[in-house]
Every structure is written in C-alpha cells, then in structure tokens.
Amino acid sequence: MLKETVGRSHTPTIQKSEPSELSDHQTRPPLLDTLITSKTRIKLLVRFFLSPGSRSYLRSLETEFGESTNSIRLELNRLEGANLLKAELEGNKKVYCANEQHPLFGELNKLVRNYLGLDVLVEKVVNKLGSLHSVYLINELAEGRNASTIYMVIVGDNIDTNYLSVLVTKAEQLIKRKINYTLHSLLEMDYLKAELDRKPLLLLWSADE
C-alpha cells in the first residue's frame, strides 16, 4: 500500500514577499466551462480524456455521476457520433472509451487538465522543484473521476520538503483544490511499479518527456 500523505510543515520565514500571482482559475472560468455548458458532457470528457485507458458503461456512469440514465446516454451518443468516443459490446454491456486516434484527442486532454488545475500544478510546483523524476496522480483522478482533492505521488531525490510545502500551498490557493502528496526516492520505483497492479496511477509529469 502507498504510504499515508506526508505532513507538510509550513515555514513562513522562508517564504519571501512576492507579487500576487493570479491564474486563469482565479480571473475567469476554466476554458472547458466556457466552451461547454453541459455539466454531464464535461464529466464525460474528464472521465475518458484525462486517463486515456479509462473504460466505462452506462449504468456505472449513472452511479458515479448521480444523474439520470437518459441524460448520460444522450451525451454518450453525441460524443460517439462525433467519433470522440469508441464503443464495443462486452456481453450485454456497451463499454465506452476515448478514441485516441481522433485529431482532437490531444487538445481535449489539455483542456481537461486545464479544467482540473493540473496545468497550474505542473507550472507552479513541479517545474520549480529540482531533482524530480516523475509525478503521478492516484485515487479518483487517476481513474478519470473528478475530485475536490488531488492526490499525488512525487518521485525524486534531494527534494526540499519545506519549499515543496510552500509551492503546494500556493498551488492550492490558485486552483482551489486540496493537494495531498507522498514522496518516494528513485530506489522505490520498483515498489511504485508494483503498485500499478493494485491501485490506479496516472503519470502527470516525467523528466524523460
């Protein structure tokens, strides 16, 4: 099992006074909200386009979203009709997944990441820390399910935990989501890979990319 979230010690003395940083998440709604008014459609895009390997069927989405079957079926049909989703029968169930060959797949993935605040997370936290190897999402977001808390696994060596705590706090204020994280060294990579078989992990960032 992954370790519990590490405690974040806040040390105001190392935090210098900086100009106010405003992101799109503070000054205007995320682009996905502006382009799409259907909340059900946004949920489906997050479900299938954040984690490309995500698969689901109508009844499970009804339980997950807490919405009527008809409203979800309508949006699934629209996305399938636009060739953004693919569907196949598994027994008596019609199972959906993202069409990764669609020309807009990459752009939709970026829109979803923007909507969830993950682009801000990478910009304000990941890119400012040295010695990082990779960052993974776990729990709900790794399965393509929206959540108010972002759970991350951070892999790297010689990470300044105090500075990380300051950066995470700033990112939380920008994206208005709680961020919990665990730290692992490169030597623990084999352990993390074993976790892939037991708990969903979604790669958010890698130094190799």
N, C-alpha and C. Protein backbone atom coordinates (compact mmCIF):
# COMPACT_ATOMS: atom_id res chain seq x y z
N MET A 1 0.84 -1.20 0.00
CA MET A 1 0.00 0.00 0.00
C MET A 1 0.87 1.25 0.00
N LEU A 2 0.40 2.31 -0.65
CA LEU A 2 1.14 3.56 -0.63
C LEU A 2 1.09 4.15 0.77
N LYS A 3 2.15 4.82 1.14
CA LYS A 3 2.21 5.45 2.44
C LYS A 3 1.16 6.55 2.55
N GLU A 4 0.77 6.85 3.81
CA GLU A 4 -0.16 7.95 4.01
C GLU A 4 0.50 9.25 3.61
N THR A 5 -0.31 10.24 3.31
CA THR A 5 0.20 11.54 2.89
C THR A 5 1.16 12.11 3.92
N VAL A 6 2.32 12.57 3.46
CA VAL A 6 3.30 13.11 4.38
C VAL A 6 2.81 14.45 4.90
N GLY A 7 3.20 14.75 6.12
CA GLY A 7 2.82 16.03 6.69
C GLY A 7 3.58 17.15 6.02
N ARG A 8 2.95 18.29 5.90
CA ARG A 8 3.60 19.43 5.26
C ARG A 8 3.83 20.49 6.31
N SER A 9 5.08 20.70 6.68
CA SER A 9 5.38 21.72 7.68
C SER A 9 5.49 23.07 7.00
N HIS A 10 4.67 24.00 7.43
CA HIS A 10 4.68 25.33 6.82
C HIS A 10 5.68 26.21 7.56
N THR A 11 6.60 26.81 6.84
CA THR A 11 7.65 27.63 7.44
C THR A 11 7.62 29.01 6.82
N PRO A 12 6.81 29.92 7.36
CA PRO A 12 6.64 31.24 6.77
C PRO A 12 7.93 32.03 6.64
N THR A 13 8.95 31.72 7.46
CA THR A 13 10.17 32.51 7.44
C THR A 13 10.93 32.37 6.14
N ILE A 14 10.73 31.26 5.42
CA ILE A 14 11.47 31.09 4.16
C ILE A 14 10.65 31.59 2.97
N GLN A 15 9.45 32.05 3.24
CA GLN A 15 8.57 32.50 2.16
C GLN A 15 8.74 34.00 1.96
N LYS A 16 9.34 34.36 0.85
CA LYS A 16 9.58 35.77 0.57
C LYS A 16 8.34 36.44 0.02
N SER A 17 8.26 37.75 0.23
CA SER A 17 7.15 38.51 -0.32
C SER A 17 7.27 38.56 -1.83
N GLU A 18 6.21 38.16 -2.52
CA GLU A 18 6.22 38.10 -3.99
C GLU A 18 5.00 38.82 -4.52
N PRO A 19 5.05 39.27 -5.77
CA PRO A 19 3.87 39.87 -6.38
C PRO A 19 2.72 38.88 -6.41
N SER A 20 1.52 39.37 -6.33
CA SER A 20 0.36 38.49 -6.36
C SER A 20 0.31 37.74 -7.68
N GLU A 21 0.13 36.41 -7.57
CA GLU A 21 0.07 35.57 -8.76
C GLU A 21 -1.38 35.19 -9.00
N LEU A 22 -1.92 35.59 -10.13
CA LEU A 22 -3.28 35.24 -10.49
C LEU A 22 -3.25 34.33 -11.70
N SER A 23 -4.01 33.24 -11.63
CA SER A 23 -4.09 32.31 -12.76
C SER A 23 -5.45 32.44 -13.40
N ASP A 24 -5.63 31.74 -14.52
CA ASP A 24 -6.93 31.73 -15.19
C ASP A 24 -8.02 31.21 -14.26
N HIS A 25 -7.63 30.33 -13.31
CA HIS A 25 -8.61 29.76 -12.41
C HIS A 25 -9.14 30.79 -11.43
N GLN A 26 -8.46 31.93 -11.27
CA GLN A 26 -8.94 32.98 -10.40
C GLN A 26 -9.63 34.08 -11.18
N THR A 27 -9.11 34.42 -12.36
CA THR A 27 -9.60 35.57 -13.10
C THR A 27 -10.76 35.24 -14.03
N ARG A 28 -10.88 33.99 -14.46
CA ARG A 28 -12.01 33.60 -15.31
C ARG A 28 -12.21 32.09 -15.21
N PRO A 29 -13.40 31.61 -15.61
CA PRO A 29 -13.67 30.18 -15.51
C PRO A 29 -12.72 29.39 -16.41
N PRO A 30 -12.43 28.12 -16.06
CA PRO A 30 -11.64 27.28 -16.95
C PRO A 30 -12.27 27.23 -18.34
N LEU A 31 -11.43 27.10 -19.36
CA LEU A 31 -11.89 27.16 -20.75
C LEU A 31 -12.97 26.13 -21.04
N LEU A 32 -12.87 24.95 -20.43
CA LEU A 32 -13.86 23.90 -20.69
C LEU A 32 -15.25 24.35 -20.27
N ASP A 33 -15.35 25.06 -19.14
CA ASP A 33 -16.64 25.58 -18.69
C ASP A 33 -17.19 26.63 -19.65
N THR A 34 -16.28 27.40 -20.28
CA THR A 34 -16.70 28.44 -21.21
C THR A 34 -17.20 27.84 -22.51
N LEU A 35 -16.53 26.81 -22.99
CA LEU A 35 -16.87 26.20 -24.28
C LEU A 35 -18.08 25.27 -24.19
N ILE A 36 -18.24 24.61 -23.05
CA ILE A 36 -19.28 23.58 -22.92
C ILE A 36 -20.17 23.89 -21.74
N THR A 37 -21.46 24.01 -21.99
CA THR A 37 -22.39 24.34 -20.92
C THR A 37 -22.97 23.09 -20.25
N SER A 38 -22.90 21.94 -20.92
CA SER A 38 -23.43 20.70 -20.35
C SER A 38 -22.48 20.14 -19.31
N LYS A 39 -22.89 20.13 -18.04
CA LYS A 39 -22.06 19.59 -16.97
C LYS A 39 -21.84 18.09 -17.15
N THR A 40 -22.85 17.40 -17.67
CA THR A 40 -22.71 15.97 -17.91
C THR A 40 -21.64 15.70 -18.95
N ARG A 41 -21.62 16.50 -20.01
CA ARG A 41 -20.61 16.31 -21.06
C ARG A 41 -19.21 16.57 -20.51
N ILE A 42 -19.08 17.58 -19.65
CA ILE A 42 -17.77 17.87 -19.05
C ILE A 42 -17.32 16.68 -18.20
N LYS A 43 -18.24 16.12 -17.42
CA LYS A 43 -17.90 14.95 -16.60
C LYS A 43 -17.41 13.79 -17.47
N LEU A 44 -18.06 13.60 -18.61
CA LEU A 44 -17.67 12.51 -19.51
C LEU A 44 -16.30 12.77 -20.12
N LEU A 45 -16.03 14.02 -20.49
CA LEU A 45 -14.72 14.35 -21.05
C LEU A 45 -13.62 14.12 -20.02
N VAL A 46 -13.87 14.52 -18.77
CA VAL A 46 -12.90 14.26 -17.71
C VAL A 46 -12.72 12.75 -17.54
N ARG A 47 -13.81 12.03 -17.53
CA ARG A 47 -13.79 10.58 -17.30
C ARG A 47 -12.95 9.86 -18.32
N PHE A 48 -13.07 10.26 -19.59
CA PHE A 48 -12.42 9.50 -20.66
C PHE A 48 -11.15 10.12 -21.20
N PHE A 49 -11.00 11.45 -21.09
CA PHE A 49 -9.87 12.10 -21.75
C PHE A 49 -8.74 12.49 -20.80
N LEU A 50 -8.96 12.41 -19.49
CA LEU A 50 -7.82 12.61 -18.58
C LEU A 50 -6.97 11.36 -18.54
N SER A 51 -7.61 10.23 -18.38
CA SER A 51 -6.91 8.94 -18.37
C SER A 51 -7.35 8.15 -19.59
N PRO A 52 -6.55 8.18 -20.67
CA PRO A 52 -6.97 7.61 -21.95
C PRO A 52 -7.40 6.15 -21.89
N GLY A 53 -6.84 5.38 -20.99
CA GLY A 53 -7.21 3.96 -20.91
C GLY A 53 -8.51 3.72 -20.16
N SER A 54 -9.15 4.78 -19.71
CA SER A 54 -10.37 4.64 -18.92
C SER A 54 -11.51 4.07 -19.76
N ARG A 55 -12.22 3.10 -19.20
CA ARG A 55 -13.35 2.46 -19.86
C ARG A 55 -14.53 2.43 -18.89
N SER A 56 -15.72 2.59 -19.42
CA SER A 56 -16.89 2.55 -18.54
C SER A 56 -18.14 2.28 -19.37
N TYR A 57 -19.23 1.95 -18.68
CA TYR A 57 -20.51 1.71 -19.36
C TYR A 57 -21.60 2.52 -18.67
N LEU A 58 -22.74 2.55 -19.30
CA LEU A 58 -23.80 3.49 -18.92
C LEU A 58 -24.20 3.38 -17.45
N ARG A 59 -24.50 2.19 -16.98
CA ARG A 59 -25.00 2.02 -15.62
C ARG A 59 -23.98 2.45 -14.58
N SER A 60 -22.71 2.15 -14.82
CA SER A 60 -21.68 2.56 -13.85
C SER A 60 -21.52 4.07 -13.83
N LEU A 61 -21.69 4.72 -14.99
CA LEU A 61 -21.61 6.18 -15.06
C LEU A 61 -22.79 6.82 -14.35
N GLU A 62 -23.95 6.18 -14.44
CA GLU A 62 -25.14 6.69 -13.74
C GLU A 62 -24.88 6.72 -12.23
N THR A 63 -24.29 5.65 -11.70
CA THR A 63 -23.98 5.60 -10.27
C THR A 63 -22.91 6.60 -9.91
N GLU A 64 -21.89 6.69 -10.76
CA GLU A 64 -20.75 7.58 -10.50
C GLU A 64 -21.15 9.05 -10.53
N PHE A 65 -21.95 9.44 -11.50
CA PHE A 65 -22.33 10.85 -11.67
C PHE A 65 -23.53 11.24 -10.82
N GLY A 66 -24.34 10.25 -10.42
CA GLY A 66 -25.56 10.56 -9.70
C GLY A 66 -26.57 11.27 -10.57
N GLU A 67 -26.62 10.92 -11.85
CA GLU A 67 -27.54 11.55 -12.80
C GLU A 67 -28.40 10.49 -13.47
N SER A 68 -29.40 10.95 -14.20
CA SER A 68 -30.31 10.03 -14.86
C SER A 68 -29.62 9.33 -16.03
N THR A 69 -30.07 8.11 -16.29
CA THR A 69 -29.53 7.34 -17.41
C THR A 69 -29.74 8.07 -18.73
N ASN A 70 -30.89 8.70 -18.90
CA ASN A 70 -31.22 9.34 -20.17
C ASN A 70 -30.27 10.49 -20.50
N SER A 71 -29.96 11.32 -19.51
CA SER A 71 -29.08 12.46 -19.78
C SER A 71 -27.66 11.99 -20.12
N ILE A 72 -27.20 10.96 -19.45
CA ILE A 72 -25.86 10.44 -19.74
C ILE A 72 -25.84 9.75 -21.10
N ARG A 73 -26.89 8.97 -21.40
CA ARG A 73 -26.96 8.29 -22.70
C ARG A 73 -26.95 9.30 -23.84
N LEU A 74 -27.68 10.40 -23.68
CA LEU A 74 -27.73 11.44 -24.72
C LEU A 74 -26.33 11.98 -25.02
N GLU A 75 -25.57 12.28 -23.97
CA GLU A 75 -24.23 12.84 -24.17
C GLU A 75 -23.25 11.78 -24.70
N LEU A 76 -23.40 10.55 -24.26
CA LEU A 76 -22.56 9.47 -24.80
C LEU A 76 -22.80 9.31 -26.30
N ASN A 77 -24.07 9.35 -26.70
CA ASN A 77 -24.41 9.22 -28.12
C ASN A 77 -23.81 10.36 -28.94
N ARG A 78 -23.84 11.57 -28.39
CA ARG A 78 -23.28 12.72 -29.10
C ARG A 78 -21.76 12.57 -29.28
N LEU A 79 -21.08 12.17 -28.21
CA LEU A 79 -19.63 12.02 -28.28
C LEU A 79 -19.23 10.85 -29.18
N GLU A 80 -20.02 9.79 -29.14
CA GLU A 80 -19.75 8.67 -30.04
C GLU A 80 -20.03 9.08 -31.49
N GLY A 81 -21.11 9.83 -31.70
CA GLY A 81 -21.45 10.28 -33.05
C GLY A 81 -20.39 11.20 -33.62
N ALA A 82 -19.69 11.95 -32.74
CA ALA A 82 -18.60 12.83 -33.19
C ALA A 82 -17.29 12.08 -33.31
N ASN A 83 -17.33 10.76 -33.05
CA ASN A 83 -16.14 9.88 -33.14
C ASN A 83 -15.10 10.20 -32.06
N LEU A 84 -15.53 10.90 -31.00
CA LEU A 84 -14.62 11.18 -29.90
C LEU A 84 -14.54 10.00 -28.94
N LEU A 85 -15.62 9.23 -28.89
CA LEU A 85 -15.64 8.00 -28.09
C LEU A 85 -15.82 6.79 -28.99
N LYS A 86 -15.23 5.69 -28.58
CA LYS A 86 -15.44 4.40 -29.23
C LYS A 86 -16.24 3.53 -28.28
N ALA A 87 -17.00 2.60 -28.84
CA ALA A 87 -17.80 1.70 -28.01
C ALA A 87 -17.75 0.29 -28.57
N GLU A 88 -17.78 -0.68 -27.65
CA GLU A 88 -17.84 -2.08 -28.06
C GLU A 88 -18.68 -2.85 -27.06
N LEU A 89 -19.27 -3.94 -27.52
CA LEU A 89 -20.10 -4.74 -26.65
C LEU A 89 -19.25 -5.76 -25.89
N GLU A 90 -19.49 -5.81 -24.59
CA GLU A 90 -18.88 -6.84 -23.74
C GLU A 90 -20.04 -7.54 -23.04
N GLY A 91 -20.43 -8.68 -23.59
CA GLY A 91 -21.64 -9.33 -23.11
C GLY A 91 -22.83 -8.49 -23.51
N ASN A 92 -23.62 -8.09 -22.54
CA ASN A 92 -24.78 -7.24 -22.84
C ASN A 92 -24.52 -5.77 -22.49
N LYS A 93 -23.26 -5.43 -22.25
CA LYS A 93 -22.90 -4.06 -21.89
C LYS A 93 -22.18 -3.38 -23.05
N LYS A 94 -22.52 -2.12 -23.27
CA LYS A 94 -21.82 -1.30 -24.24
C LYS A 94 -20.77 -0.48 -23.49
N VAL A 95 -19.52 -0.79 -23.74
CA VAL A 95 -18.42 -0.17 -23.00
C VAL A 95 -17.78 0.92 -23.85
N TYR A 96 -17.57 2.09 -23.23
CA TYR A 96 -17.04 3.26 -23.94
C TYR A 96 -15.61 3.55 -23.52
N CYS A 97 -14.85 4.14 -24.46
CA CYS A 97 -13.51 4.64 -24.16
C CYS A 97 -13.19 5.77 -25.14
N ALA A 98 -12.18 6.55 -24.83
CA ALA A 98 -11.80 7.66 -25.71
C ALA A 98 -11.20 7.12 -27.00
N ASN A 99 -11.47 7.81 -28.09
CA ASN A 99 -10.84 7.49 -29.37
C ASN A 99 -9.52 8.23 -29.46
N GLU A 100 -8.43 7.54 -29.11
CA GLU A 100 -7.12 8.19 -29.05
C GLU A 100 -6.59 8.56 -30.44
N GLN A 101 -7.24 8.06 -31.49
CA GLN A 101 -6.82 8.38 -32.85
C GLN A 101 -7.48 9.64 -33.40
N HIS A 102 -8.42 10.19 -32.65
CA HIS A 102 -9.12 11.39 -33.11
C HIS A 102 -8.15 12.58 -33.12
N PRO A 103 -8.19 13.42 -34.16
CA PRO A 103 -7.27 14.56 -34.25
C PRO A 103 -7.33 15.51 -33.06
N LEU A 104 -8.47 15.56 -32.37
CA LEU A 104 -8.63 16.48 -31.25
C LEU A 104 -8.33 15.83 -29.89
N PHE A 105 -7.89 14.58 -29.91
CA PHE A 105 -7.66 13.90 -28.63
C PHE A 105 -6.67 14.67 -27.75
N GLY A 106 -5.54 15.08 -28.30
CA GLY A 106 -4.52 15.78 -27.53
C GLY A 106 -5.03 17.11 -26.98
N GLU A 107 -5.80 17.82 -27.79
CA GLU A 107 -6.32 19.11 -27.35
C GLU A 107 -7.35 18.94 -26.23
N LEU A 108 -8.17 17.91 -26.33
CA LEU A 108 -9.16 17.67 -25.28
C LEU A 108 -8.48 17.26 -23.98
N ASN A 109 -7.42 16.50 -24.09
CA ASN A 109 -6.65 16.13 -22.89
C ASN A 109 -6.10 17.38 -22.20
N LYS A 110 -5.60 18.34 -23.00
CA LYS A 110 -5.08 19.59 -22.45
C LYS A 110 -6.19 20.41 -21.80
N LEU A 111 -7.36 20.45 -22.43
CA LEU A 111 -8.49 21.20 -21.88
C LEU A 111 -8.93 20.61 -20.53
N VAL A 112 -8.95 19.29 -20.45
CA VAL A 112 -9.34 18.63 -19.21
C VAL A 112 -8.32 18.92 -18.11
N ARG A 113 -7.04 18.87 -18.45
CA ARG A 113 -6.00 19.17 -17.46
C ARG A 113 -6.12 20.61 -16.96
N ASN A 114 -6.44 21.52 -17.88
CA ASN A 114 -6.65 22.92 -17.51
C ASN A 114 -7.85 23.05 -16.58
N TYR A 115 -8.93 22.37 -16.91
CA TYR A 115 -10.15 22.42 -16.13
C TYR A 115 -9.92 21.94 -14.70
N LEU A 116 -9.09 20.91 -14.52
CA LEU A 116 -8.82 20.35 -13.20
C LEU A 116 -7.72 21.09 -12.45
N GLY A 117 -7.04 22.01 -13.13
CA GLY A 117 -5.96 22.75 -12.48
C GLY A 117 -4.62 22.03 -12.54
N LEU A 118 -4.52 20.96 -13.31
CA LEU A 118 -3.28 20.20 -13.35
C LEU A 118 -2.16 20.94 -14.07
N ASP A 119 -2.52 21.78 -15.04
CA ASP A 119 -1.51 22.57 -15.73
C ASP A 119 -0.87 23.57 -14.76
N VAL A 120 -1.69 24.17 -13.90
CA VAL A 120 -1.17 25.09 -12.88
C VAL A 120 -0.29 24.34 -11.89
N LEU A 121 -0.70 23.13 -11.53
CA LEU A 121 0.06 22.31 -10.60
C LEU A 121 1.46 22.02 -11.13
N VAL A 122 1.54 21.68 -12.41
CA VAL A 122 2.85 21.40 -13.02
C VAL A 122 3.67 22.68 -13.09
N GLU A 123 3.04 23.78 -13.50
CA GLU A 123 3.76 25.04 -13.66
C GLU A 123 4.28 25.59 -12.34
N LYS A 124 3.43 25.56 -11.31
CA LYS A 124 3.75 26.22 -10.05
C LYS A 124 4.50 25.34 -9.06
N VAL A 125 4.42 24.02 -9.22
CA VAL A 125 5.07 23.12 -8.27
C VAL A 125 6.15 22.29 -8.94
N VAL A 126 5.75 21.48 -9.89
CA VAL A 126 6.67 20.51 -10.48
C VAL A 126 7.85 21.19 -11.16
N ASN A 127 7.58 22.20 -11.97
CA ASN A 127 8.65 22.84 -12.74
C ASN A 127 9.60 23.66 -11.87
N LYS A 128 9.22 23.93 -10.63
CA LYS A 128 10.07 24.73 -9.75
C LYS A 128 10.90 23.88 -8.79
N LEU A 129 10.73 22.57 -8.85
CA LEU A 129 11.49 21.68 -7.98
C LEU A 129 12.55 20.95 -8.79
N GLY A 130 13.76 20.95 -8.33
CA GLY A 130 14.81 20.18 -8.99
C GLY A 130 14.81 18.74 -8.51
N SER A 131 15.57 17.92 -9.19
CA SER A 131 15.78 16.52 -8.79
C SER A 131 14.52 15.66 -8.85
N LEU A 132 13.49 16.12 -9.56
CA LEU A 132 12.29 15.30 -9.70
C LEU A 132 12.47 14.30 -10.83
N HIS A 133 11.96 13.10 -10.62
CA HIS A 133 11.98 12.08 -11.66
C HIS A 133 10.61 11.96 -12.34
N SER A 134 9.56 11.93 -11.53
CA SER A 134 8.21 11.80 -12.09
C SER A 134 7.17 12.15 -11.03
N VAL A 135 5.97 12.45 -11.50
CA VAL A 135 4.85 12.76 -10.63
C VAL A 135 3.63 12.00 -11.14
N TYR A 136 2.94 11.31 -10.23
CA TYR A 136 1.77 10.52 -10.59
C TYR A 136 0.54 11.04 -9.85
N LEU A 137 -0.61 10.87 -10.48
CA LEU A 137 -1.88 11.07 -9.80
C LEU A 137 -2.38 9.71 -9.33
N ILE A 138 -3.02 9.68 -8.17
CA ILE A 138 -3.63 8.45 -7.68
C ILE A 138 -5.06 8.72 -7.27
N ASN A 139 -5.74 7.65 -6.90
CA ASN A 139 -7.14 7.70 -6.45
C ASN A 139 -8.08 8.18 -7.55
N GLU A 140 -9.05 9.05 -7.22
CA GLU A 140 -10.14 9.36 -8.16
C GLU A 140 -9.64 9.90 -9.50
N LEU A 141 -8.75 10.87 -9.48
CA LEU A 141 -8.31 11.48 -10.74
C LEU A 141 -7.58 10.48 -11.63
N ALA A 142 -6.88 9.54 -11.04
CA ALA A 142 -6.19 8.53 -11.84
C ALA A 142 -7.18 7.65 -12.60
N GLU A 143 -8.42 7.61 -12.12
CA GLU A 143 -9.47 6.85 -12.80
C GLU A 143 -10.33 7.74 -13.69
N GLY A 144 -9.98 9.02 -13.77
CA GLY A 144 -10.77 9.93 -14.58
C GLY A 144 -12.00 10.46 -13.88
N ARG A 145 -12.03 10.35 -12.54
CA ARG A 145 -13.18 10.85 -11.77
C ARG A 145 -12.78 12.14 -11.08
N ASN A 146 -13.57 13.17 -11.30
CA ASN A 146 -13.27 14.48 -10.71
C ASN A 146 -13.32 14.39 -9.19
N ALA A 147 -12.51 15.23 -8.54
CA ALA A 147 -12.47 15.20 -7.08
C ALA A 147 -12.00 16.55 -6.57
N SER A 148 -12.40 16.90 -5.36
CA SER A 148 -12.00 18.18 -4.78
C SER A 148 -10.57 18.13 -4.24
N THR A 149 -10.03 16.93 -4.05
CA THR A 149 -8.66 16.77 -3.56
C THR A 149 -7.82 16.06 -4.61
N ILE A 150 -6.63 16.60 -4.87
CA ILE A 150 -5.69 15.98 -5.79
C ILE A 150 -4.68 15.19 -4.97
N TYR A 151 -4.56 13.91 -5.26
CA TYR A 151 -3.59 13.06 -4.57
C TYR A 151 -2.44 12.76 -5.54
N MET A 152 -1.21 13.04 -5.08
CA MET A 152 -0.04 12.88 -5.94
C MET A 152 1.00 11.98 -5.28
N VAL A 153 1.75 11.29 -6.13
CA VAL A 153 2.95 10.58 -5.72
C VAL A 153 4.12 11.25 -6.41
N ILE A 154 5.05 11.77 -5.63
CA ILE A 154 6.20 12.50 -6.17
C ILE A 154 7.45 11.65 -6.02
N VAL A 155 8.16 11.45 -7.12
CA VAL A 155 9.35 10.60 -7.11
C VAL A 155 10.57 11.44 -7.43
N GLY A 156 11.58 11.39 -6.57
CA GLY A 156 12.80 12.15 -6.80
C GLY A 156 13.72 12.07 -5.60
N ASP A 157 14.89 12.64 -5.73
CA ASP A 157 15.87 12.62 -4.65
C ASP A 157 16.24 14.05 -4.26
N ASN A 158 16.63 14.22 -3.02
CA ASN A 158 17.10 15.52 -2.50
C ASN A 158 16.08 16.63 -2.71
N ILE A 159 14.82 16.33 -2.45
CA ILE A 159 13.76 17.32 -2.60
C ILE A 159 13.65 18.15 -1.33
N ASP A 160 13.63 19.46 -1.49
CA ASP A 160 13.48 20.38 -0.36
C ASP A 160 12.01 20.35 0.07
N THR A 161 11.74 19.63 1.15
CA THR A 161 10.35 19.43 1.57
C THR A 161 9.68 20.73 2.04
N ASN A 162 10.45 21.62 2.65
CA ASN A 162 9.89 22.90 3.09
C ASN A 162 9.45 23.74 1.89
N TYR A 163 10.31 23.78 0.88
CA TYR A 163 9.99 24.54 -0.34
C TYR A 163 8.81 23.90 -1.06
N LEU A 164 8.77 22.58 -1.10
CA LEU A 164 7.65 21.86 -1.70
C LEU A 164 6.35 22.24 -1.01
N SER A 165 6.37 22.29 0.31
CA SER A 165 5.17 22.64 1.07
C SER A 165 4.67 24.04 0.71
N VAL A 166 5.61 24.99 0.57
CA VAL A 166 5.25 26.36 0.21
C VAL A 166 4.62 26.40 -1.19
N LEU A 167 5.23 25.68 -2.14
CA LEU A 167 4.72 25.67 -3.50
C LEU A 167 3.33 25.04 -3.57
N VAL A 168 3.14 23.96 -2.85
CA VAL A 168 1.84 23.28 -2.86
C VAL A 168 0.76 24.19 -2.28
N THR A 169 1.09 24.89 -1.21
CA THR A 169 0.12 25.82 -0.61
C THR A 169 -0.30 26.90 -1.60
N LYS A 170 0.66 27.43 -2.35
CA LYS A 170 0.34 28.45 -3.36
C LYS A 170 -0.54 27.86 -4.46
N ALA A 171 -0.20 26.64 -4.88
CA ALA A 171 -0.99 25.99 -5.94
C ALA A 171 -2.41 25.73 -5.47
N GLU A 172 -2.59 25.33 -4.22
CA GLU A 172 -3.94 25.11 -3.68
C GLU A 172 -4.78 26.36 -3.75
N GLN A 173 -4.16 27.50 -3.45
CA GLN A 173 -4.89 28.77 -3.49
C GLN A 173 -5.29 29.13 -4.92
N LEU A 174 -4.45 28.78 -5.88
CA LEU A 174 -4.73 29.11 -7.27
C LEU A 174 -5.83 28.25 -7.87
N ILE A 175 -5.77 26.95 -7.61
CA ILE A 175 -6.72 26.04 -8.25
C ILE A 175 -7.92 25.71 -7.37
N LYS A 176 -7.87 26.17 -6.11
CA LYS A 176 -8.98 25.97 -5.18
C LYS A 176 -9.30 24.49 -4.99
N ARG A 177 -8.26 23.70 -4.87
CA ARG A 177 -8.38 22.28 -4.55
C ARG A 177 -7.33 21.92 -3.50
N LYS A 178 -7.66 20.97 -2.65
CA LYS A 178 -6.70 20.46 -1.69
C LYS A 178 -5.72 19.55 -2.43
N ILE A 179 -4.44 19.62 -2.08
CA ILE A 179 -3.41 18.78 -2.69
C ILE A 179 -2.72 17.97 -1.60
N ASN A 180 -2.81 16.67 -1.69
CA ASN A 180 -2.09 15.77 -0.79
C ASN A 180 -1.05 15.00 -1.58
N TYR A 181 0.08 14.73 -0.97
CA TYR A 181 1.15 14.06 -1.71
C TYR A 181 1.98 13.16 -0.81
N THR A 182 2.62 12.17 -1.44
CA THR A 182 3.62 11.35 -0.78
C THR A 182 4.91 11.46 -1.57
N LEU A 183 6.04 11.34 -0.88
CA LEU A 183 7.35 11.43 -1.51
C LEU A 183 8.00 10.05 -1.54
N HIS A 184 8.64 9.74 -2.67
CA HIS A 184 9.37 8.48 -2.80
C HIS A 184 10.69 8.75 -3.51
N SER A 185 11.72 7.99 -3.13
CA SER A 185 13.02 8.11 -3.78
C SER A 185 13.04 7.27 -5.05
N LEU A 186 14.06 7.47 -5.86
CA LEU A 186 14.21 6.67 -7.08
C LEU A 186 14.37 5.19 -6.76
N LEU A 187 14.94 4.89 -5.60
CA LEU A 187 15.14 3.50 -5.21
C LEU A 187 13.82 2.78 -4.96
N GLU A 188 12.77 3.55 -4.76
CA GLU A 188 11.45 2.96 -4.51
C GLU A 188 10.63 2.80 -5.78
N MET A 189 11.23 3.01 -6.95
CA MET A 189 10.49 2.93 -8.21
C MET A 189 9.90 1.55 -8.45
N ASP A 190 10.66 0.51 -8.12
CA ASP A 190 10.13 -0.85 -8.30
C ASP A 190 8.89 -1.07 -7.45
N TYR A 191 8.92 -0.51 -6.24
CA TYR A 191 7.76 -0.60 -5.36
C TYR A 191 6.55 0.10 -5.99
N LEU A 192 6.81 1.26 -6.58
CA LEU A 192 5.72 2.01 -7.21
C LEU A 192 5.14 1.26 -8.40
N LYS A 193 6.03 0.65 -9.18
CA LYS A 193 5.55 -0.11 -10.34
C LYS A 193 4.67 -1.27 -9.91
N ALA A 194 5.02 -1.88 -8.78
CA ALA A 194 4.19 -2.96 -8.26
C ALA A 194 2.82 -2.45 -7.86
N GLU A 195 2.77 -1.20 -7.42
CA GLU A 195 1.50 -0.60 -7.03
C GLU A 195 0.55 -0.44 -8.21
N LEU A 196 1.10 -0.37 -9.41
CA LEU A 196 0.26 -0.22 -10.60
C LEU A 196 -0.73 -1.35 -10.73
N ASP A 197 -0.37 -2.52 -10.21
CA ASP A 197 -1.25 -3.68 -10.31
C ASP A 197 -2.37 -3.64 -9.27
N ARG A 198 -2.24 -2.75 -8.27
CA ARG A 198 -3.21 -2.75 -7.18
C ARG A 198 -3.98 -1.43 -7.04
N LYS A 199 -3.41 -0.34 -7.55
CA LYS A 199 -4.05 0.96 -7.39
C LYS A 199 -3.80 1.80 -8.64
N PRO A 200 -4.83 2.46 -9.17
CA PRO A 200 -4.62 3.26 -10.38
C PRO A 200 -3.59 4.35 -10.17
N LEU A 201 -2.61 4.44 -11.05
CA LEU A 201 -1.65 5.54 -11.08
C LEU A 201 -1.66 6.14 -12.47
N LEU A 202 -1.70 7.45 -12.56
CA LEU A 202 -1.70 8.13 -13.85
C LEU A 202 -0.50 9.08 -13.87
N LEU A 203 0.39 8.90 -14.85
CA LEU A 203 1.57 9.75 -14.95
C LEU A 203 1.15 11.17 -15.30
N LEU A 204 1.51 12.13 -14.46
CA LEU A 204 1.21 13.53 -14.70
C LEU A 204 2.39 14.24 -15.36
N TRP A 205 3.60 13.88 -14.94
CA TRP A 205 4.80 14.55 -15.45
C TRP A 205 5.99 13.61 -15.30
N SER A 206 6.91 13.67 -16.26
CA SER A 206 8.13 12.87 -16.18
C SER A 206 9.30 13.66 -16.73
N ALA A 207 10.45 13.53 -16.08
CA ALA A 207 11.65 14.21 -16.54
C ALA A 207 12.12 13.67 -17.88
N ASP A 208 11.69 12.50 -18.25
CA ASP A 208 12.09 11.87 -19.52
C ASP A 208 11.31 12.39 -20.70
N GLU A 209 10.20 13.11 -20.43
CA GLU A 209 9.36 13.60 -21.53
C GLU A 209 9.91 14.88 -22.10
